[in-house]
């Protein structure tokens, strides 16, 4: 159900060969009200651990010249931000990974990075919620189709059950014509037919109750409007 969404905990993957870069990013982000979970990896570890799931990738300086790392990042579905002050590295990154957001190192770059990263995480969360809502809608549609089918077929099912129940009752009225084992089996068939009939009756009752509730909910706004107009 849409209302039963699990708690969202975003994860940021930092790929950098300079530990100071990772520490600076994490320290700055921890001053914010909403702090994601961080995973910091060097490029050598990243290339061997490309299945590390996350919501955002932050690339440290120098990675723009490592085409293998850029290709791996470009192949993932996650948004990525590349930070560097080398123009050649930035240009190569734009060419190899068009989806990459590029941020030049300058005064206040950490603030800019956190702003960009937070917006990217919000978009990922919105996409996640939209996907969850879409899945819930598809499930509701499937259940509605099954419900409509049951409504359309309940009379046919009742007729079939009536036939099974009636014939089993007739056979049970002939005590000497059947063995005790067969009579027990017929008695089980009759009891199960009665139970299925009761289930279908409850299904029809629920359908009627839902229609009444729907009619009442539709009348309520009109009634409130009339009361407001009269007052």
Protein backbone atom coordinates (compact mmCIF):
# COMPACT_ATOMS: atom_id res chain seq x y z
CA UNK A 1 0.00 0.00 0.00
CA UNK A 2 1.13 3.55 -0.66
CA UNK A 3 0.71 4.52 2.98
CA UNK A 4 3.04 1.73 4.10
CA UNK A 5 6.24 3.10 2.62
CA UNK A 6 9.39 2.07 4.45
CA UNK A 7 11.69 4.67 5.99
CA UNK A 8 13.95 6.08 3.29
CA UNK A 9 17.64 6.27 4.15
CA UNK A 10 19.66 7.71 1.24
CA UNK A 11 23.20 6.50 0.63
CA UNK A 12 26.03 8.52 -0.93
CA UNK A 13 28.97 6.70 -2.49
CA UNK A 14 32.21 8.72 -2.55
CA UNK A 15 34.83 7.50 -5.03
CA UNK A 16 38.14 9.23 -4.37
CA UNK A 17 41.78 8.29 -4.12
CA UNK A 18 42.44 11.16 -1.70
CA UNK A 19 41.06 10.29 1.78
CA UNK A 20 41.03 13.99 2.70
CA UNK A 21 38.47 14.67 -0.01
CA UNK A 22 36.11 12.03 1.38
CA UNK A 23 36.57 13.27 4.93
CA UNK A 24 35.89 16.88 3.90
CA UNK A 25 32.67 15.96 2.07
CA UNK A 26 31.37 13.82 4.94
CA UNK A 27 32.26 16.42 7.58
CA UNK A 28 30.49 19.21 5.67
CA UNK A 29 27.37 17.15 4.98
CA UNK A 30 27.08 16.17 8.64
CA UNK A 31 26.35 19.80 9.50
CA UNK A 32 23.05 19.54 7.62
CA UNK A 33 19.72 18.54 9.19
CA UNK A 34 19.38 15.51 6.91
CA UNK A 35 22.53 13.40 6.70
CA UNK A 36 22.74 10.40 4.33
CA UNK A 37 24.75 7.25 4.89
CA UNK A 38 28.22 7.43 3.35
CA UNK A 39 30.42 4.82 1.71
CA UNK A 40 33.93 5.91 0.69
CA UNK A 41 35.92 3.83 -1.79
CA UNK A 42 39.10 4.28 -3.78
CA UNK A 43 38.99 3.79 -7.54
CA UNK A 44 40.78 0.44 -7.30
CA UNK A 45 38.17 -0.89 -4.86
CA UNK A 46 35.28 0.62 -6.84
CA UNK A 47 36.24 -1.19 -10.04
CA UNK A 48 36.05 -4.48 -8.14
CA UNK A 49 32.87 -3.62 -6.25
CA UNK A 50 30.56 -2.07 -8.83
CA UNK A 51 27.51 -3.71 -7.24
CA UNK A 52 27.61 -1.29 -4.27
CA UNK A 53 24.12 0.25 -4.38
CA UNK A 54 23.59 3.93 -3.58
CA UNK A 55 21.46 6.97 -4.41
CA UNK A 56 24.22 9.39 -5.37
CA UNK A 57 27.87 9.11 -6.45
CA UNK A 58 30.45 11.81 -5.65
CA UNK A 59 33.70 11.57 -7.61
CA UNK A 60 36.90 13.11 -6.29
CA UNK A 61 39.63 14.98 -8.23
CA UNK A 62 41.60 13.11 -10.87
CA UNK A 63 38.94 10.56 -11.70
CA UNK A 64 38.02 12.43 -14.87
CA UNK A 65 41.17 11.05 -16.48
CA UNK A 66 40.35 7.44 -15.55
CA UNK A 67 38.10 6.33 -18.39
CA UNK A 68 37.42 2.93 -16.84
CA UNK A 69 35.96 4.50 -13.70
CA UNK A 70 33.91 7.00 -15.72
CA UNK A 71 32.48 4.23 -17.90
CA UNK A 72 31.42 2.26 -14.84
CA UNK A 73 29.74 5.30 -13.29
CA UNK A 74 27.98 6.15 -16.55
CA UNK A 75 26.59 2.60 -16.74
CA UNK A 76 24.85 2.91 -13.35
CA UNK A 77 21.38 4.45 -12.87
CA UNK A 78 22.54 6.77 -10.07
CA UNK A 79 23.14 10.51 -10.40
CA UNK A 80 26.80 11.49 -10.06
CA UNK A 81 28.73 14.67 -9.27
CA UNK A 82 32.36 15.07 -10.29
CA UNK A 83 34.52 17.61 -8.43
CA UNK A 84 37.87 18.74 -9.84
CA UNK A 85 39.93 21.83 -10.65
CA UNK A 86 41.70 20.40 -13.70
CA UNK A 87 40.09 21.62 -16.93
CA UNK A 88 41.40 18.68 -18.98
CA UNK A 89 39.96 16.21 -16.49
CA UNK A 90 36.61 18.00 -16.44
CA UNK A 91 36.42 18.10 -20.24
CA UNK A 92 37.21 14.40 -20.50
CA UNK A 93 34.57 13.61 -17.89
CA UNK A 94 31.91 15.53 -19.83
CA UNK A 95 32.82 13.62 -22.99
CA UNK A 96 32.93 10.14 -21.44
CA UNK A 97 29.97 10.55 -19.08
CA UNK A 98 27.37 13.03 -20.40
CA UNK A 99 25.05 12.42 -17.42
CA UNK A 100 27.73 13.54 -14.98
CA UNK A 101 27.21 16.80 -13.07
CA UNK A 102 30.52 18.67 -13.05
CA UNK A 103 31.61 20.98 -10.22
CA UNK A 104 34.84 22.96 -10.37
CA UNK A 105 36.82 23.29 -7.15
CA UNK A 106 36.52 26.86 -5.91
CA UNK A 107 35.87 28.70 -2.68
CA UNK A 108 32.67 27.36 -1.20
CA UNK A 109 32.62 24.24 -3.39
CA UNK A 110 31.59 22.07 -0.43
CA UNK A 111 28.44 24.12 0.08
CA UNK A 112 27.61 23.86 -3.61
CA UNK A 113 28.26 20.13 -3.58
CA UNK A 114 25.91 19.58 -0.65
CA UNK A 115 23.19 21.67 -2.32
CA UNK A 116 23.52 19.72 -5.59
CA UNK A 117 23.68 16.41 -3.76
CA UNK A 118 20.64 17.12 -1.60
CA UNK A 119 18.59 18.06 -4.68
CA UNK A 120 19.71 14.88 -6.46
CA UNK A 121 18.70 12.79 -3.44
CA UNK A 122 15.29 14.48 -3.31
CA UNK A 123 14.73 13.63 -6.96
CA UNK A 124 15.75 10.02 -6.37
CA UNK A 125 13.32 9.82 -3.46
CA UNK A 126 10.54 11.29 -5.61
CA UNK A 127 11.25 8.71 -8.30
CA UNK A 128 11.24 5.94 -5.70
CA UNK A 129 7.89 7.07 -4.32
CA UNK A 130 6.43 7.37 -7.82
CA UNK A 131 7.58 3.85 -8.62
CA UNK A 132 6.07 2.53 -5.38
CA UNK A 133 2.80 4.31 -6.12
CA UNK A 134 2.78 2.92 -9.65
CA UNK A 135 3.33 -0.62 -8.36
CA UNK A 136 0.55 -0.18 -5.79
CA UNK A 137 -1.77 1.16 -8.49
CA UNK A 138 -1.01 -1.82 -10.74
CA UNK A 139 -1.71 -4.20 -7.86
CA UNK A 140 -5.01 -2.44 -7.08
CA UNK A 141 -5.98 -2.67 -10.76
CA UNK A 142 -5.28 -6.42 -10.82
CA UNK A 143 -7.35 -6.92 -7.69
CA UNK A 144 -10.16 -4.79 -9.11
CA UNK A 145 -10.22 -6.92 -12.29
CA UNK A 146 -10.41 -10.09 -10.21
CA UNK A 147 -13.16 -8.54 -8.10
CA UNK A 148 -15.21 -7.59 -11.16
CA UNK A 149 -14.79 -11.09 -12.55
CA UNK A 150 -16.07 -12.59 -9.30
CA UNK A 151 -19.05 -10.26 -9.35
CA UNK A 152 -19.88 -11.22 -12.91
CA UNK A 153 -19.47 -14.96 -12.27
CA UNK A 154 -21.10 -15.29 -8.85
CA UNK A 155 -24.52 -16.21 -10.29
CA UNK A 156 -22.99 -18.90 -12.48
CA UNK A 157 -21.04 -20.25 -9.52
CA UNK A 158 -24.15 -20.24 -7.35
CA UNK A 159 -26.05 -22.18 -10.02
CA UNK A 160 -23.27 -24.76 -10.25
CA UNK A 161 -23.12 -25.12 -6.46
CA UNK A 162 -26.90 -25.47 -6.28
CA UNK A 163 -26.68 -28.33 -8.77
CA UNK A 164 -23.89 -30.06 -6.82
CA UNK A 165 -25.71 -29.56 -3.52
CA UNK A 166 -29.06 -30.74 -4.89
CA UNK A 167 -27.67 -33.90 -6.51
CA UNK A 168 -25.67 -34.82 -3.41
CA UNK A 169 -28.79 -34.39 -1.27
CA UNK A 170 -30.79 -36.64 -3.61
CA UNK A 171 -28.16 -39.37 -3.50
CA UNK A 172 -27.99 -39.20 0.29
CA UNK A 173 -31.76 -39.76 0.47
CA UNK A 174 -31.20 -43.33 -0.81
CA UNK A 175 -29.59 -44.99 2.22
CA UNK A 176 -29.34 -48.52 0.81
CA UNK A 177 -28.03 -47.65 -2.65
CA UNK A 178 -24.59 -46.47 -1.55
CA UNK A 179 -21.83 -47.88 0.62
CA UNK A 180 -20.84 -46.12 3.82
CA UNK A 181 -17.57 -44.89 2.24
CA UNK A 182 -19.36 -43.34 -0.73
CA UNK A 183 -21.93 -41.73 1.58
CA UNK A 184 -19.13 -40.13 3.60
CA UNK A 185 -17.60 -38.73 0.42
CA UNK A 186 -20.99 -37.38 -0.71
CA UNK A 187 -21.53 -35.85 2.71
CA UNK A 188 -18.16 -34.08 2.40
CA UNK A 189 -19.11 -32.80 -1.09
CA UNK A 190 -22.41 -31.48 0.25
CA UNK A 191 -20.77 -29.74 3.22
CA UNK A 192 -18.11 -28.12 1.02
CA UNK A 193 -20.79 -26.95 -1.41
CA UNK A 194 -22.71 -25.37 1.46
CA UNK A 195 -19.53 -23.65 2.66
CA UNK A 196 -18.73 -22.28 -0.82
CA UNK A 197 -22.32 -21.05 -1.12
CA UNK A 198 -21.97 -19.18 2.18
CA UNK A 199 -18.71 -17.57 0.96
CA UNK A 200 -20.42 -16.37 -2.24
CA UNK A 201 -23.33 -15.04 -0.23
CA UNK A 202 -20.92 -13.05 1.91
CA UNK A 203 -19.23 -11.76 -1.24
CA UNK A 204 -22.58 -10.51 -2.56
CA UNK A 205 -23.33 -8.96 0.83
CA UNK A 206 -20.01 -7.10 0.80
CA UNK A 207 -20.75 -5.81 -2.69
CA UNK A 208 -24.08 -4.41 -1.50
CA UNK A 209 -22.50 -2.83 1.59
CA UNK A 210 -19.81 -1.16 -0.52
CA UNK A 211 -22.40 0.23 -2.94
CA UNK A 212 -24.41 1.68 -0.02
CA UNK A 213 -21.27 3.24 1.49
CA UNK A 214 -20.32 4.73 -1.89
CA UNK A 215 -23.80 6.22 -2.33
CA UNK A 216 -23.69 7.74 1.15
CA UNK A 217 -20.24 9.25 0.57
CA UNK A 218 -21.49 10.84 -2.66
CA UNK A 219 -24.54 12.29 -0.93
CA UNK A 220 -22.56 13.78 1.99
CA UNK A 221 -20.97 16.70 0.04
CA UNK A 222 -24.36 17.65 -1.46
CA UNK A 223 -25.99 17.54 1.97
CA UNK A 224 -23.25 19.69 3.48
CA UNK A 225 -23.63 22.16 0.63
CA UNK A 226 -27.39 22.42 1.22
CA UNK A 227 -26.88 22.98 4.96
CA UNK A 228 -24.28 25.66 4.26
CA UNK A 229 -26.57 27.37 1.78
CA UNK A 230 -29.52 27.29 4.18
CA UNK A 231 -27.45 28.80 6.98
